[in-house]
Amino acid sequence: MTIRLHRHADLRLTALEGEGVALHMGSRRYFTVTETGLSILEALKAPRTFDELVDAITAEYEVEREHATRSVRQFVDSCKTSALILEHDA
């Protein structure tokens, strides 16, 4: 069984100078995110596995895979708590 991550359908993203805003239309809550966080959420427009997501981030930013894995895991876990990112079995 493969777990795929995707952003919530009610999520709207806006890029600002060096960061972004994520608005969850369903809950009417908004969140500020870093530029990298915005890239992660944008990458999850289409479902991806966690490893595919880390691949996308390491391709976009000059970062070691181990560091990217830890950072992406922390961000994804935080977003799952707020229902910005959902997971499903593929």
N, C-alpha and C. Protein backbone atom coordinates (compact mmCIF):
# COMPACT_ATOMS: atom_id res chain seq x y z
N MET A 1 0.83 -1.16 0.00
CA MET A 1 0.00 0.00 0.00
C MET A 1 0.89 1.25 0.00
N THR A 2 0.61 2.17 -0.90
CA THR A 2 1.36 3.41 -1.01
C THR A 2 0.51 4.57 -0.54
N ILE A 3 1.04 5.36 0.34
CA ILE A 3 0.34 6.54 0.83
C ILE A 3 0.71 7.72 -0.04
N ARG A 4 -0.30 8.43 -0.52
CA ARG A 4 -0.08 9.64 -1.30
C ARG A 4 -0.61 10.83 -0.52
N LEU A 5 0.11 11.92 -0.62
CA LEU A 5 -0.27 13.17 0.02
C LEU A 5 -0.84 14.10 -1.03
N HIS A 6 -1.79 14.92 -0.64
CA HIS A 6 -2.30 15.97 -1.53
C HIS A 6 -2.84 17.09 -0.67
N ARG A 7 -2.87 18.27 -1.25
CA ARG A 7 -3.41 19.39 -0.48
C ARG A 7 -4.92 19.37 -0.52
N HIS A 8 -5.53 19.92 0.49
CA HIS A 8 -6.99 19.95 0.60
C HIS A 8 -7.56 20.74 -0.57
N ALA A 9 -8.68 20.28 -1.12
CA ALA A 9 -9.29 20.94 -2.28
C ALA A 9 -9.73 22.37 -1.96
N ASP A 10 -10.01 22.66 -0.70
CA ASP A 10 -10.46 24.00 -0.30
C ASP A 10 -9.30 24.95 -0.01
N LEU A 11 -8.09 24.53 -0.29
CA LEU A 11 -6.91 25.35 0.02
C LEU A 11 -6.60 26.29 -1.14
N ARG A 12 -6.41 27.55 -0.81
CA ARG A 12 -6.01 28.57 -1.80
C ARG A 12 -4.67 29.13 -1.36
N LEU A 13 -3.78 29.34 -2.32
CA LEU A 13 -2.42 29.79 -2.03
C LEU A 13 -2.14 31.13 -2.69
N THR A 14 -1.41 31.96 -1.99
CA THR A 14 -0.98 33.25 -2.53
C THR A 14 0.47 33.46 -2.15
N ALA A 15 1.28 33.81 -3.15
CA ALA A 15 2.69 34.09 -2.90
C ALA A 15 2.85 35.57 -2.58
N LEU A 16 3.64 35.85 -1.57
CA LEU A 16 4.01 37.21 -1.21
C LEU A 16 5.52 37.29 -1.25
N GLU A 17 6.08 38.39 -0.87
CA GLU A 17 7.53 38.56 -0.91
C GLU A 17 8.22 37.61 0.06
N GLY A 18 8.80 36.53 -0.44
CA GLY A 18 9.57 35.61 0.37
C GLY A 18 8.77 34.66 1.23
N GLU A 19 7.45 34.70 1.14
CA GLU A 19 6.61 33.78 1.90
C GLU A 19 5.28 33.61 1.18
N GLY A 20 4.34 32.97 1.84
CA GLY A 20 3.04 32.77 1.23
C GLY A 20 1.95 32.70 2.27
N VAL A 21 0.73 32.74 1.77
CA VAL A 21 -0.45 32.62 2.62
C VAL A 21 -1.27 31.46 2.07
N ALA A 22 -1.68 30.59 2.98
CA ALA A 22 -2.56 29.47 2.63
C ALA A 22 -3.90 29.73 3.32
N LEU A 23 -4.95 29.79 2.53
CA LEU A 23 -6.29 30.02 3.07
C LEU A 23 -7.11 28.76 2.89
N HIS A 24 -7.61 28.23 3.99
CA HIS A 24 -8.47 27.04 3.96
C HIS A 24 -9.90 27.56 3.93
N MET A 25 -10.52 27.49 2.75
CA MET A 25 -11.86 28.06 2.56
C MET A 25 -12.91 27.38 3.43
N GLY A 26 -12.76 26.08 3.64
CA GLY A 26 -13.73 25.34 4.44
C GLY A 26 -13.76 25.78 5.89
N SER A 27 -12.60 25.95 6.47
CA SER A 27 -12.53 26.34 7.88
C SER A 27 -12.41 27.86 8.06
N ARG A 28 -12.18 28.56 6.95
CA ARG A 28 -11.99 30.01 6.96
C ARG A 28 -10.80 30.43 7.83
N ARG A 29 -9.78 29.59 7.83
CA ARG A 29 -8.55 29.89 8.55
C ARG A 29 -7.44 30.15 7.54
N TYR A 30 -6.53 31.03 7.89
CA TYR A 30 -5.39 31.25 7.02
C TYR A 30 -4.10 31.01 7.79
N PHE A 31 -3.08 30.67 7.03
CA PHE A 31 -1.79 30.31 7.59
C PHE A 31 -0.70 31.00 6.77
N THR A 32 0.30 31.54 7.44
CA THR A 32 1.46 32.04 6.71
C THR A 32 2.47 30.90 6.62
N VAL A 33 3.12 30.81 5.50
CA VAL A 33 4.11 29.75 5.26
C VAL A 33 5.35 30.38 4.63
N THR A 34 6.45 29.71 4.81
CA THR A 34 7.70 30.16 4.19
C THR A 34 7.62 29.91 2.69
N GLU A 35 8.60 30.41 1.99
CA GLU A 35 8.69 30.17 0.55
C GLU A 35 8.76 28.66 0.27
N THR A 36 9.52 27.94 1.09
CA THR A 36 9.63 26.49 0.92
C THR A 36 8.30 25.81 1.23
N GLY A 37 7.62 26.25 2.27
CA GLY A 37 6.31 25.70 2.59
C GLY A 37 5.33 25.91 1.46
N LEU A 38 5.38 27.08 0.85
CA LEU A 38 4.51 27.35 -0.30
C LEU A 38 4.85 26.41 -1.46
N SER A 39 6.15 26.17 -1.68
CA SER A 39 6.57 25.23 -2.74
C SER A 39 6.04 23.83 -2.47
N ILE A 40 6.08 23.41 -1.20
CA ILE A 40 5.57 22.08 -0.84
C ILE A 40 4.08 22.00 -1.14
N LEU A 41 3.33 23.01 -0.71
CA LEU A 41 1.88 23.00 -0.94
C LEU A 41 1.56 23.07 -2.43
N GLU A 42 2.31 23.85 -3.18
CA GLU A 42 2.10 23.90 -4.63
C GLU A 42 2.41 22.55 -5.29
N ALA A 43 3.45 21.88 -4.81
CA ALA A 43 3.82 20.57 -5.36
C ALA A 43 2.73 19.53 -5.10
N LEU A 44 1.93 19.76 -4.05
CA LEU A 44 0.89 18.79 -3.70
C LEU A 44 -0.46 19.09 -4.36
N LYS A 45 -0.43 19.88 -5.40
CA LYS A 45 -1.66 20.09 -6.19
C LYS A 45 -2.09 18.74 -6.78
N ALA A 46 -1.09 17.97 -7.17
CA ALA A 46 -1.32 16.59 -7.63
C ALA A 46 -0.80 15.66 -6.53
N PRO A 47 -1.46 14.55 -6.28
CA PRO A 47 -1.00 13.63 -5.23
C PRO A 47 0.43 13.14 -5.49
N ARG A 48 1.19 13.02 -4.41
CA ARG A 48 2.57 12.54 -4.47
C ARG A 48 2.85 11.71 -3.23
N THR A 49 3.79 10.80 -3.37
CA THR A 49 4.28 10.11 -2.19
C THR A 49 5.20 11.07 -1.44
N PHE A 50 5.52 10.72 -0.20
CA PHE A 50 6.43 11.56 0.56
C PHE A 50 7.78 11.66 -0.13
N ASP A 51 8.30 10.54 -0.63
CA ASP A 51 9.59 10.55 -1.32
C ASP A 51 9.56 11.41 -2.58
N GLU A 52 8.47 11.37 -3.32
CA GLU A 52 8.33 12.22 -4.51
C GLU A 52 8.33 13.69 -4.11
N LEU A 53 7.72 13.99 -2.99
CA LEU A 53 7.69 15.37 -2.51
C LEU A 53 9.09 15.83 -2.12
N VAL A 54 9.83 15.00 -1.43
CA VAL A 54 11.21 15.34 -1.07
C VAL A 54 12.05 15.51 -2.34
N ASP A 55 11.84 14.65 -3.33
CA ASP A 55 12.55 14.78 -4.61
C ASP A 55 12.28 16.15 -5.24
N ALA A 56 11.03 16.58 -5.22
CA ALA A 56 10.66 17.86 -5.81
C ALA A 56 11.36 19.02 -5.09
N ILE A 57 11.43 18.93 -3.78
CA ILE A 57 12.07 20.00 -3.01
C ILE A 57 13.58 20.02 -3.22
N THR A 58 14.21 18.85 -3.25
CA THR A 58 15.66 18.83 -3.47
C THR A 58 16.01 19.25 -4.90
N ALA A 59 15.09 19.08 -5.83
CA ALA A 59 15.33 19.54 -7.20
C ALA A 59 15.19 21.07 -7.29
N GLU A 60 14.32 21.64 -6.47
CA GLU A 60 14.07 23.08 -6.52
C GLU A 60 15.07 23.88 -5.70
N TYR A 61 15.50 23.32 -4.58
CA TYR A 61 16.40 24.02 -3.66
C TYR A 61 17.71 23.25 -3.51
N GLU A 62 18.77 24.00 -3.24
CA GLU A 62 20.07 23.37 -3.01
C GLU A 62 20.14 22.97 -1.53
N VAL A 63 19.75 21.73 -1.26
CA VAL A 63 19.66 21.24 0.11
C VAL A 63 19.99 19.75 0.12
N GLU A 64 20.63 19.30 1.17
CA GLU A 64 20.93 17.87 1.29
C GLU A 64 19.63 17.11 1.53
N ARG A 65 19.56 15.93 0.98
CA ARG A 65 18.34 15.13 1.07
C ARG A 65 17.94 14.86 2.53
N GLU A 66 18.90 14.56 3.37
CA GLU A 66 18.59 14.27 4.78
C GLU A 66 17.92 15.47 5.45
N HIS A 67 18.45 16.65 5.21
CA HIS A 67 17.86 17.87 5.78
C HIS A 67 16.47 18.12 5.19
N ALA A 68 16.36 17.95 3.88
CA ALA A 68 15.06 18.14 3.22
C ALA A 68 14.03 17.17 3.76
N THR A 69 14.41 15.94 3.98
CA THR A 69 13.49 14.92 4.49
C THR A 69 12.95 15.33 5.86
N ARG A 70 13.84 15.76 6.74
CA ARG A 70 13.41 16.19 8.09
C ARG A 70 12.48 17.40 8.01
N SER A 71 12.86 18.38 7.21
CA SER A 71 12.08 19.61 7.10
C SER A 71 10.72 19.37 6.47
N VAL A 72 10.69 18.59 5.40
CA VAL A 72 9.42 18.29 4.74
C VAL A 72 8.52 17.48 5.67
N ARG A 73 9.08 16.53 6.40
CA ARG A 73 8.29 15.72 7.35
C ARG A 73 7.65 16.62 8.40
N GLN A 74 8.43 17.52 8.96
CA GLN A 74 7.91 18.43 9.99
C GLN A 74 6.79 19.30 9.42
N PHE A 75 6.98 19.85 8.23
CA PHE A 75 5.97 20.71 7.62
C PHE A 75 4.71 19.92 7.29
N VAL A 76 4.87 18.75 6.70
CA VAL A 76 3.72 17.92 6.33
C VAL A 76 2.92 17.52 7.57
N ASP A 77 3.60 17.11 8.61
CA ASP A 77 2.91 16.73 9.85
C ASP A 77 2.12 17.90 10.42
N SER A 78 2.70 19.07 10.39
CA SER A 78 2.01 20.26 10.89
C SER A 78 0.78 20.57 10.03
N CYS A 79 0.93 20.46 8.73
CA CYS A 79 -0.19 20.74 7.82
C CYS A 79 -1.30 19.69 7.92
N LYS A 80 -0.94 18.45 8.19
CA LYS A 80 -1.96 17.41 8.36
C LYS A 80 -2.80 17.71 9.59
N THR A 81 -2.19 18.22 10.64
CA THR A 81 -2.91 18.57 11.86
C THR A 81 -3.98 19.63 11.58
N SER A 82 -3.69 20.55 10.66
CA SER A 82 -4.63 21.62 10.32
C SER A 82 -5.48 21.29 9.10
N ALA A 83 -5.39 20.08 8.61
CA ALA A 83 -6.16 19.60 7.43
C ALA A 83 -5.82 20.38 6.15
N LEU A 84 -4.60 20.89 6.07
CA LEU A 84 -4.16 21.51 4.82
C LEU A 84 -3.68 20.45 3.85
N ILE A 85 -3.09 19.40 4.41
CA ILE A 85 -2.60 18.26 3.62
C ILE A 85 -3.33 17.02 4.10
N LEU A 86 -3.79 16.24 3.14
CA LEU A 86 -4.49 14.99 3.41
C LEU A 86 -3.69 13.85 2.84
N GLU A 87 -3.94 12.65 3.31
CA GLU A 87 -3.28 11.47 2.73
C GLU A 87 -4.33 10.43 2.41
N HIS A 88 -4.02 9.63 1.39
CA HIS A 88 -4.89 8.52 1.02
C HIS A 88 -4.06 7.37 0.47
N ASP A 89 -4.65 6.20 0.49
CA ASP A 89 -3.98 5.01 -0.05
C ASP A 89 -4.11 5.02 -1.57
N ALA A 90 -3.01 4.72 -2.22
CA ALA A 90 -3.03 4.68 -3.69
C ALA A 90 -3.21 3.24 -4.15
